[in-house]
Full PDB file with SEQRES, HELIX, SHEET, SSBOND, CRYST1, ORIGX, SCALE, CONECT and MASTER records, all heavy atoms in Angstrom:
SEQRES   1 A   29  LYS LEU ASN HIS ALA SER ILE VAL ASP GLY VAL ILE LEU          
SEQRES   2 A   29  SER ARG ALA HIS ASN ARG ARG TYR ARG HIS ASN ASP LEU          
SEQRES   3 A   29  ASN HIS LEU                                                  
HELIX    1 AA1 ALA A    5  SER A   14  1                                  10    
CRYST1    1.000    1.000    1.000  90.00  90.00  90.00 P 1           1          
ORIGX1      1.000000  0.000000  0.000000        0.00000                         
ORIGX2      0.000000  1.000000  0.000000        0.00000                         
ORIGX3      0.000000  0.000000  1.000000        0.00000                         
SCALE1      1.000000  0.000000  0.000000        0.00000                         
SCALE2      0.000000  1.000000  0.000000        0.00000                         
SCALE3      0.000000  0.000000  1.000000        0.00000                         
ATOM      1  N   LYS A   1      -6.448  -8.487  -7.063  1.00  0.00           N  
ATOM      2  CA  LYS A   1      -7.347  -9.332  -7.887  1.00  0.00           C  
ATOM      3  C   LYS A   1      -7.263 -10.775  -7.507  1.00  0.00           C  
ATOM      4  O   LYS A   1      -8.178 -11.496  -7.731  1.00  0.00           O  
ATOM      5  CB  LYS A   1      -7.109  -9.069  -9.369  1.00  0.00           C  
ATOM      6  CG  LYS A   1      -8.126  -9.626 -10.287  1.00  0.00           C  
ATOM      7  CD  LYS A   1      -7.869  -9.286 -11.719  1.00  0.00           C  
ATOM      8  CE  LYS A   1      -9.050  -9.830 -12.647  1.00  0.00           C  
ATOM      9  NZ  LYS A   1      -8.798  -9.449 -14.055  1.00  0.00           N  
ATOM     10  N   LEU A   2      -6.110 -11.245  -7.051  1.00  0.00           N  
ATOM     11  CA  LEU A   2      -5.907 -12.703  -6.793  1.00  0.00           C  
ATOM     12  C   LEU A   2      -5.984 -12.973  -5.347  1.00  0.00           C  
ATOM     13  O   LEU A   2      -5.520 -14.041  -4.878  1.00  0.00           O  
ATOM     14  CB  LEU A   2      -4.537 -13.180  -7.358  1.00  0.00           C  
ATOM     15  CG  LEU A   2      -4.422 -13.125  -8.929  1.00  0.00           C  
ATOM     16  CD1 LEU A   2      -3.170 -13.808  -9.315  1.00  0.00           C  
ATOM     17  CD2 LEU A   2      -5.635 -13.731  -9.591  1.00  0.00           C  
ATOM     18  N   ASN A   3      -6.569 -12.106  -4.478  1.00  0.00           N  
ATOM     19  CA  ASN A   3      -6.761 -12.380  -3.104  1.00  0.00           C  
ATOM     20  C   ASN A   3      -7.658 -13.602  -2.843  1.00  0.00           C  
ATOM     21  O   ASN A   3      -8.550 -13.918  -3.686  1.00  0.00           O  
ATOM     22  CB  ASN A   3      -7.363 -11.175  -2.384  1.00  0.00           C  
ATOM     23  CG  ASN A   3      -6.307 -10.129  -1.995  1.00  0.00           C  
ATOM     24  OD1 ASN A   3      -5.150 -10.424  -1.909  1.00  0.00           O  
ATOM     25  ND2 ASN A   3      -6.694  -8.898  -1.760  1.00  0.00           N  
ATOM     26  N   HIS A   4      -7.466 -14.219  -1.651  1.00  0.00           N  
ATOM     27  CA  HIS A   4      -8.273 -15.415  -1.334  1.00  0.00           C  
ATOM     28  C   HIS A   4      -9.741 -15.072  -1.314  1.00  0.00           C  
ATOM     29  O   HIS A   4     -10.117 -13.909  -1.003  1.00  0.00           O  
ATOM     30  CB  HIS A   4      -7.731 -15.846   0.034  1.00  0.00           C  
ATOM     31  CG  HIS A   4      -8.334 -17.206   0.405  1.00  0.00           C  
ATOM     32  ND1 HIS A   4      -9.489 -17.366   1.152  1.00  0.00           N  
ATOM     33  CD2 HIS A   4      -7.895 -18.481   0.089  1.00  0.00           C  
ATOM     34  CE1 HIS A   4      -9.681 -18.634   1.337  1.00  0.00           C  
ATOM     35  NE2 HIS A   4      -8.799 -19.378   0.714  1.00  0.00           N  
ATOM     36  N   ALA A   5     -10.543 -16.081  -1.495  1.00  0.00           N  
ATOM     37  CA  ALA A   5     -12.045 -15.936  -1.506  1.00  0.00           C  
ATOM     38  C   ALA A   5     -12.580 -15.379  -0.154  1.00  0.00           C  
ATOM     39  O   ALA A   5     -13.550 -14.676  -0.177  1.00  0.00           O  
ATOM     40  CB  ALA A   5     -12.666 -17.291  -1.727  1.00  0.00           C  
ATOM     41  N   SER A   6     -11.905 -15.726   0.911  1.00  0.00           N  
ATOM     42  CA  SER A   6     -12.365 -15.129   2.211  1.00  0.00           C  
ATOM     43  C   SER A   6     -12.184 -13.642   2.282  1.00  0.00           C  
ATOM     44  O   SER A   6     -13.023 -12.917   2.912  1.00  0.00           O  
ATOM     45  CB  SER A   6     -11.586 -15.744   3.353  1.00  0.00           C  
ATOM     46  OG  SER A   6     -10.183 -15.574   3.208  1.00  0.00           O  
ATOM     47  N   ILE A   7     -11.203 -13.053   1.659  1.00  0.00           N  
ATOM     48  CA  ILE A   7     -11.008 -11.616   1.509  1.00  0.00           C  
ATOM     49  C   ILE A   7     -12.068 -11.069   0.640  1.00  0.00           C  
ATOM     50  O   ILE A   7     -12.792 -10.012   0.964  1.00  0.00           O  
ATOM     51  CB  ILE A   7      -9.610 -11.263   1.022  1.00  0.00           C  
ATOM     52  CG1 ILE A   7      -8.567 -11.662   2.037  1.00  0.00           C  
ATOM     53  CG2 ILE A   7      -9.504  -9.770   0.768  1.00  0.00           C  
ATOM     54  CD1 ILE A   7      -7.130 -11.463   1.607  1.00  0.00           C  
ATOM     55  N   VAL A   8     -12.300 -11.678  -0.474  1.00  0.00           N  
ATOM     56  CA  VAL A   8     -13.345 -11.268  -1.400  1.00  0.00           C  
ATOM     57  C   VAL A   8     -14.691 -11.169  -0.726  1.00  0.00           C  
ATOM     58  O   VAL A   8     -15.458 -10.188  -0.862  1.00  0.00           O  
ATOM     59  CB  VAL A   8     -13.446 -12.209  -2.623  1.00  0.00           C  
ATOM     60  CG1 VAL A   8     -14.584 -11.820  -3.531  1.00  0.00           C  
ATOM     61  CG2 VAL A   8     -12.102 -12.170  -3.428  1.00  0.00           C  
ATOM     62  N   ASP A   9     -15.045 -12.194   0.008  1.00  0.00           N  
ATOM     63  CA  ASP A   9     -16.371 -12.279   0.714  1.00  0.00           C  
ATOM     64  C   ASP A   9     -16.393 -11.222   1.825  1.00  0.00           C  
ATOM     65  O   ASP A   9     -17.493 -10.671   2.112  1.00  0.00           O  
ATOM     66  CB  ASP A   9     -16.605 -13.705   1.277  1.00  0.00           C  
ATOM     67  CG  ASP A   9     -16.860 -14.661   0.198  1.00  0.00           C  
ATOM     68  OD1 ASP A   9     -16.946 -14.253  -1.022  1.00  0.00           O  
ATOM     69  OD2 ASP A   9     -17.007 -15.840   0.467  1.00  0.00           O  
ATOM     70  N   GLY A  10     -15.283 -10.952   2.496  1.00  0.00           N  
ATOM     71  CA  GLY A  10     -15.266  -9.888   3.496  1.00  0.00           C  
ATOM     72  C   GLY A  10     -15.547  -8.587   2.914  1.00  0.00           C  
ATOM     73  O   GLY A  10     -16.269  -7.747   3.540  1.00  0.00           O  
ATOM     74  N   VAL A  11     -15.020  -8.258   1.773  1.00  0.00           N  
ATOM     75  CA  VAL A  11     -15.269  -7.059   1.031  1.00  0.00           C  
ATOM     76  C   VAL A  11     -16.752  -6.932   0.710  1.00  0.00           C  
ATOM     77  O   VAL A  11     -17.382  -5.839   0.981  1.00  0.00           O  
ATOM     78  CB  VAL A  11     -14.415  -6.945  -0.251  1.00  0.00           C  
ATOM     79  CG1 VAL A  11     -14.792  -5.670  -1.089  1.00  0.00           C  
ATOM     80  CG2 VAL A  11     -12.915  -6.921   0.103  1.00  0.00           C  
ATOM     81  N   ILE A  12     -17.331  -7.981   0.229  1.00  0.00           N  
ATOM     82  CA  ILE A  12     -18.769  -8.004  -0.126  1.00  0.00           C  
ATOM     83  C   ILE A  12     -19.649  -7.738   1.130  1.00  0.00           C  
ATOM     84  O   ILE A  12     -20.568  -6.894   1.127  1.00  0.00           O  
ATOM     85  CB  ILE A  12     -19.185  -9.313  -0.788  1.00  0.00           C  
ATOM     86  CG1 ILE A  12     -18.465  -9.454  -2.114  1.00  0.00           C  
ATOM     87  CG2 ILE A  12     -20.647  -9.450  -0.949  1.00  0.00           C  
ATOM     88  CD1 ILE A  12     -18.606 -10.812  -2.814  1.00  0.00           C  
ATOM     89  N   LEU A  13     -19.363  -8.451   2.227  1.00  0.00           N  
ATOM     90  CA  LEU A  13     -20.068  -8.284   3.479  1.00  0.00           C  
ATOM     91  C   LEU A  13     -19.973  -6.831   4.005  1.00  0.00           C  
ATOM     92  O   LEU A  13     -20.886  -6.337   4.641  1.00  0.00           O  
ATOM     93  CB  LEU A  13     -19.557  -9.229   4.501  1.00  0.00           C  
ATOM     94  CG  LEU A  13     -19.987 -10.684   4.330  1.00  0.00           C  
ATOM     95  CD1 LEU A  13     -19.216 -11.637   5.244  1.00  0.00           C  
ATOM     96  CD2 LEU A  13     -21.485 -10.863   4.582  1.00  0.00           C  
ATOM     97  N   SER A  14     -18.875  -6.207   3.787  1.00  0.00           N  
ATOM     98  CA  SER A  14     -18.669  -4.818   4.379  1.00  0.00           C  
ATOM     99  C   SER A  14     -19.543  -3.806   3.703  1.00  0.00           C  
ATOM    100  O   SER A  14     -19.776  -2.741   4.284  1.00  0.00           O  
ATOM    101  CB  SER A  14     -17.157  -4.418   4.176  1.00  0.00           C  
ATOM    102  OG  SER A  14     -16.905  -4.111   2.877  1.00  0.00           O  
ATOM    103  N   ARG A  15     -19.922  -4.072   2.446  1.00  0.00           N  
ATOM    104  CA  ARG A  15     -20.734  -3.123   1.652  1.00  0.00           C  
ATOM    105  C   ARG A  15     -19.909  -1.865   1.237  1.00  0.00           C  
ATOM    106  O   ARG A  15     -20.445  -0.864   0.842  1.00  0.00           O  
ATOM    107  CB  ARG A  15     -22.010  -2.754   2.330  1.00  0.00           C  
ATOM    108  CG  ARG A  15     -22.934  -3.918   2.656  1.00  0.00           C  
ATOM    109  CD  ARG A  15     -24.196  -3.518   3.318  1.00  0.00           C  
ATOM    110  NE  ARG A  15     -24.942  -4.687   3.695  1.00  0.00           N  
ATOM    111  CZ  ARG A  15     -26.109  -4.666   4.399  1.00  0.00           C  
ATOM    112  NH1 ARG A  15     -26.653  -3.469   4.753  1.00  0.00           N  
ATOM    113  NH2 ARG A  15     -26.727  -5.742   4.676  1.00  0.00           N  
ATOM    114  N   ALA A  16     -18.624  -1.915   1.425  1.00  0.00           N  
ATOM    115  CA  ALA A  16     -17.770  -0.827   1.081  1.00  0.00           C  
ATOM    116  C   ALA A  16     -17.577  -0.776  -0.494  1.00  0.00           C  
ATOM    117  O   ALA A  16     -17.919  -1.734  -1.160  1.00  0.00           O  
ATOM    118  CB  ALA A  16     -16.389  -1.006   1.760  1.00  0.00           C  
ATOM    119  N   HIS A  17     -17.070   0.365  -0.900  1.00  0.00           N  
ATOM    120  CA  HIS A  17     -16.742   0.454  -2.373  1.00  0.00           C  
ATOM    121  C   HIS A  17     -15.493  -0.430  -2.653  1.00  0.00           C  
ATOM    122  O   HIS A  17     -14.510  -0.313  -2.001  1.00  0.00           O  
ATOM    123  CB  HIS A  17     -16.448   1.926  -2.701  1.00  0.00           C  
ATOM    124  CG  HIS A  17     -17.593   2.857  -2.442  1.00  0.00           C  
ATOM    125  ND1 HIS A  17     -18.723   2.942  -3.267  1.00  0.00           N  
ATOM    126  CD2 HIS A  17     -17.857   3.737  -1.434  1.00  0.00           C  
ATOM    127  CE1 HIS A  17     -19.555   3.800  -2.784  1.00  0.00           C  
ATOM    128  NE2 HIS A  17     -19.075   4.269  -1.681  1.00  0.00           N  
ATOM    129  N   ASN A  18     -15.703  -1.307  -3.660  1.00  0.00           N  
ATOM    130  CA  ASN A  18     -14.632  -2.322  -3.960  1.00  0.00           C  
ATOM    131  C   ASN A  18     -13.777  -1.828  -5.120  1.00  0.00           C  
ATOM    132  O   ASN A  18     -14.355  -1.643  -6.213  1.00  0.00           O  
ATOM    133  CB  ASN A  18     -15.315  -3.662  -4.213  1.00  0.00           C  
ATOM    134  CG  ASN A  18     -14.280  -4.697  -4.430  1.00  0.00           C  
ATOM    135  OD1 ASN A  18     -13.098  -4.548  -4.211  1.00  0.00           O  
ATOM    136  ND2 ASN A  18     -14.760  -5.895  -4.861  1.00  0.00           N  
ATOM    137  N   ARG A  19     -12.486  -1.618  -4.862  1.00  0.00           N  
ATOM    138  CA  ARG A  19     -11.615  -1.247  -5.886  1.00  0.00           C  
ATOM    139  C   ARG A  19     -10.584  -2.399  -6.079  1.00  0.00           C  
ATOM    140  O   ARG A  19      -9.581  -2.395  -5.350  1.00  0.00           O  
ATOM    141  CB  ARG A  19     -10.909   0.074  -5.561  1.00  0.00           C  
ATOM    142  CG  ARG A  19     -11.847   1.251  -5.289  1.00  0.00           C  
ATOM    143  CD  ARG A  19     -12.470   1.852  -6.527  1.00  0.00           C  
ATOM    144  NE  ARG A  19     -13.291   2.977  -6.260  1.00  0.00           N  
ATOM    145  CZ  ARG A  19     -14.583   2.974  -6.057  1.00  0.00           C  
ATOM    146  NH1 ARG A  19     -15.216   1.852  -6.174  1.00  0.00           N  
ATOM    147  NH2 ARG A  19     -15.232   4.095  -5.781  1.00  0.00           N  
ATOM    148  N   ARG A  20     -10.778  -3.218  -7.002  1.00  0.00           N  
ATOM    149  CA  ARG A  20      -9.847  -4.284  -7.264  1.00  0.00           C  
ATOM    150  C   ARG A  20      -8.642  -3.836  -8.106  1.00  0.00           C  
ATOM    151  O   ARG A  20      -8.900  -3.237  -9.201  1.00  0.00           O  
ATOM    152  CB  ARG A  20     -10.517  -5.485  -7.949  1.00  0.00           C  
ATOM    153  CG  ARG A  20     -11.546  -6.166  -7.081  1.00  0.00           C  
ATOM    154  CD  ARG A  20     -12.286  -7.244  -7.849  1.00  0.00           C  
ATOM    155  NE  ARG A  20     -11.467  -8.477  -7.992  1.00  0.00           N  
ATOM    156  CZ  ARG A  20     -11.635  -9.398  -8.962  1.00  0.00           C  
ATOM    157  NH1 ARG A  20     -12.618  -9.269  -9.850  1.00  0.00           N  
ATOM    158  NH2 ARG A  20     -10.848 -10.429  -9.010  1.00  0.00           N  
ATOM    159  N   TYR A  21      -7.437  -4.031  -7.668  1.00  0.00           N  
ATOM    160  CA  TYR A  21      -6.331  -3.615  -8.479  1.00  0.00           C  
ATOM    161  C   TYR A  21      -5.666  -4.855  -9.124  1.00  0.00           C  
ATOM    162  O   TYR A  21      -5.729  -5.953  -8.562  1.00  0.00           O  
ATOM    163  CB  TYR A  21      -5.300  -2.759  -7.724  1.00  0.00           C  
ATOM    164  CG  TYR A  21      -4.650  -3.482  -6.559  1.00  0.00           C  
ATOM    165  CD1 TYR A  21      -3.383  -4.122  -6.639  1.00  0.00           C  
ATOM    166  CD2 TYR A  21      -5.227  -3.319  -5.227  1.00  0.00           C  
ATOM    167  CE1 TYR A  21      -2.834  -4.742  -5.550  1.00  0.00           C  
ATOM    168  CE2 TYR A  21      -4.585  -3.925  -4.145  1.00  0.00           C  
ATOM    169  CZ  TYR A  21      -3.354  -4.593  -4.342  1.00  0.00           C  
ATOM    170  OH  TYR A  21      -2.744  -5.186  -3.234  1.00  0.00           O  
ATOM    171  N   ARG A  22      -5.108  -4.666 -10.307  1.00  0.00           N  
ATOM    172  CA  ARG A  22      -4.433  -5.754 -11.052  1.00  0.00           C  
ATOM    173  C   ARG A  22      -3.419  -6.450 -10.176  1.00  0.00           C  
ATOM    174  O   ARG A  22      -2.713  -5.781  -9.406  1.00  0.00           O  
ATOM    175  CB  ARG A  22      -3.935  -5.303 -12.384  1.00  0.00           C  
ATOM    176  CG  ARG A  22      -4.980  -4.934 -13.450  1.00  0.00           C  
ATOM    177  CD  ARG A  22      -4.356  -4.562 -14.730  1.00  0.00           C  
ATOM    178  NE  ARG A  22      -3.623  -3.383 -14.687  1.00  0.00           N  
ATOM    179  CZ  ARG A  22      -4.130  -2.210 -14.939  1.00  0.00           C  
ATOM    180  NH1 ARG A  22      -5.363  -1.996 -15.289  1.00  0.00           N  
ATOM    181  NH2 ARG A  22      -3.283  -1.080 -14.962  1.00  0.00           N  
ATOM    182  N   HIS A  23      -3.272  -7.753 -10.320  1.00  0.00           N  
ATOM    183  CA  HIS A  23      -2.381  -8.474  -9.427  1.00  0.00           C  
ATOM    184  C   HIS A  23      -1.034  -7.925  -9.299  1.00  0.00           C  
ATOM    185  O   HIS A  23      -0.280  -7.810 -10.344  1.00  0.00           O  
ATOM    186  CB  HIS A  23      -2.355  -9.964  -9.868  1.00  0.00           C  
ATOM    187  CG  HIS A  23      -1.419 -10.806  -9.030  1.00  0.00           C  
ATOM    188  ND1 HIS A  23      -1.552 -10.861  -7.647  1.00  0.00           N  
ATOM    189  CD2 HIS A  23      -0.461 -11.659  -9.404  1.00  0.00           C  
ATOM    190  CE1 HIS A  23      -0.622 -11.734  -7.208  1.00  0.00           C  
ATOM    191  NE2 HIS A  23       0.071 -12.183  -8.237  1.00  0.00           N  
ATOM    192  N   ASN A  24      -0.630  -7.529  -8.121  1.00  0.00           N  
ATOM    193  CA  ASN A  24       0.731  -6.982  -7.840  1.00  0.00           C  
ATOM    194  C   ASN A  24       1.094  -5.753  -8.611  1.00  0.00           C  
ATOM    195  O   ASN A  24       2.277  -5.484  -8.764  1.00  0.00           O  
ATOM    196  CB  ASN A  24       1.815  -8.115  -7.963  1.00  0.00           C  
ATOM    197  CG  ASN A  24       2.080  -8.846  -6.672  1.00  0.00           C  
ATOM    198  OD1 ASN A  24       1.743  -8.396  -5.620  1.00  0.00           O  
ATOM    199  ND2 ASN A  24       2.601 -10.060  -6.823  1.00  0.00           N  
ATOM    200  N   ASP A  25       0.084  -5.064  -9.108  1.00  0.00           N  
ATOM    201  CA  ASP A  25       0.355  -3.865  -9.942  1.00  0.00           C  
ATOM    202  C   ASP A  25       0.155  -2.650  -9.147  1.00  0.00           C  
ATOM    203  O   ASP A  25      -0.979  -2.123  -8.931  1.00  0.00           O  
ATOM    204  CB  ASP A  25      -0.596  -3.873 -11.148  1.00  0.00           C  
ATOM    205  CG  ASP A  25      -0.335  -2.796 -12.135  1.00  0.00           C  
ATOM    206  OD1 ASP A  25       0.344  -1.818 -11.783  1.00  0.00           O  
ATOM    207  OD2 ASP A  25      -0.830  -2.867 -13.327  1.00  0.00           O  
ATOM    208  N   LEU A  26       1.257  -2.173  -8.503  1.00  0.00           N  
ATOM    209  CA  LEU A  26       1.199  -0.989  -7.593  1.00  0.00           C  
ATOM    210  C   LEU A  26       0.953   0.317  -8.370  1.00  0.00           C  
ATOM    211  O   LEU A  26       0.408   1.260  -7.720  1.00  0.00           O  
ATOM    212  CB  LEU A  26       2.503  -0.932  -6.822  1.00  0.00           C  
ATOM    213  CG  LEU A  26       2.817  -2.103  -5.876  1.00  0.00           C  
ATOM    214  CD1 LEU A  26       3.866  -1.755  -4.891  1.00  0.00           C  
ATOM    215  CD2 LEU A  26       1.544  -2.619  -5.184  1.00  0.00           C  
ATOM    216  N   ASN A  27       1.222   0.400  -9.602  1.00  0.00           N  
ATOM    217  CA  ASN A  27       0.926   1.592 -10.387  1.00  0.00           C  
ATOM    218  C   ASN A  27      -0.628   1.722 -10.544  1.00  0.00           C  
ATOM    219  O   ASN A  27      -1.138   2.815 -10.454  1.00  0.00           O  
ATOM    220  CB  ASN A  27       1.528   1.503 -11.734  1.00  0.00           C  
ATOM    221  CG  ASN A  27       3.123   1.687 -11.683  1.00  0.00           C  
ATOM    222  OD1 ASN A  27       3.636   2.361 -10.872  1.00  0.00           O  
ATOM    223  ND2 ASN A  27       3.812   1.052 -12.608  1.00  0.00           N  
ATOM    224  N   HIS A  28      -1.264   0.548 -10.804  1.00  0.00           N  
ATOM    225  CA  HIS A  28      -2.738   0.573 -10.885  1.00  0.00           C  
ATOM    226  C   HIS A  28      -3.333   0.899  -9.507  1.00  0.00           C  
ATOM    227  O   HIS A  28      -4.326   1.683  -9.423  1.00  0.00           O  
ATOM    228  CB  HIS A  28      -3.246  -0.823 -11.423  1.00  0.00           C  
ATOM    229  CG  HIS A  28      -4.630  -0.829 -11.616  1.00  0.00           C  
ATOM    230  ND1 HIS A  28      -5.436  -1.996 -11.401  1.00  0.00           N  
ATOM    231  CD2 HIS A  28      -5.536   0.094 -12.057  1.00  0.00           C  
ATOM    232  CE1 HIS A  28      -6.718  -1.745 -11.667  1.00  0.00           C  
ATOM    233  NE2 HIS A  28      -6.769  -0.491 -12.078  1.00  0.00           N  
ATOM    234  N   LEU A  29      -2.751   0.334  -8.466  1.00  0.00           N  
ATOM    235  CA  LEU A  29      -3.227   0.621  -7.093  1.00  0.00           C  
ATOM    236  C   LEU A  29      -3.156   2.125  -6.815  1.00  0.00           C  
ATOM    237  O   LEU A  29      -4.040   2.752  -6.331  1.00  0.00           O  
ATOM    238  CB  LEU A  29      -2.492  -0.202  -6.127  1.00  0.00           C  
ATOM    239  CG  LEU A  29      -2.785   0.132  -4.577  1.00  0.00           C  
ATOM    240  CD1 LEU A  29      -4.274  -0.055  -4.273  1.00  0.00           C  
ATOM    241  CD2 LEU A  29      -1.926  -0.727  -3.694  1.00  0.00           C  
TER     242      LEU A  29                                                      
MASTER        0    0    0    1    0    0    0    6  241    1    0    3          
END                                                                             
């Protein structure tokens, strides 16, 4: 969830399904 904006924009550009996980929460991931 706290990744840099360039990563966020890369995800949007890819048009892939976006699954944001809570910051550093590996159980959620």
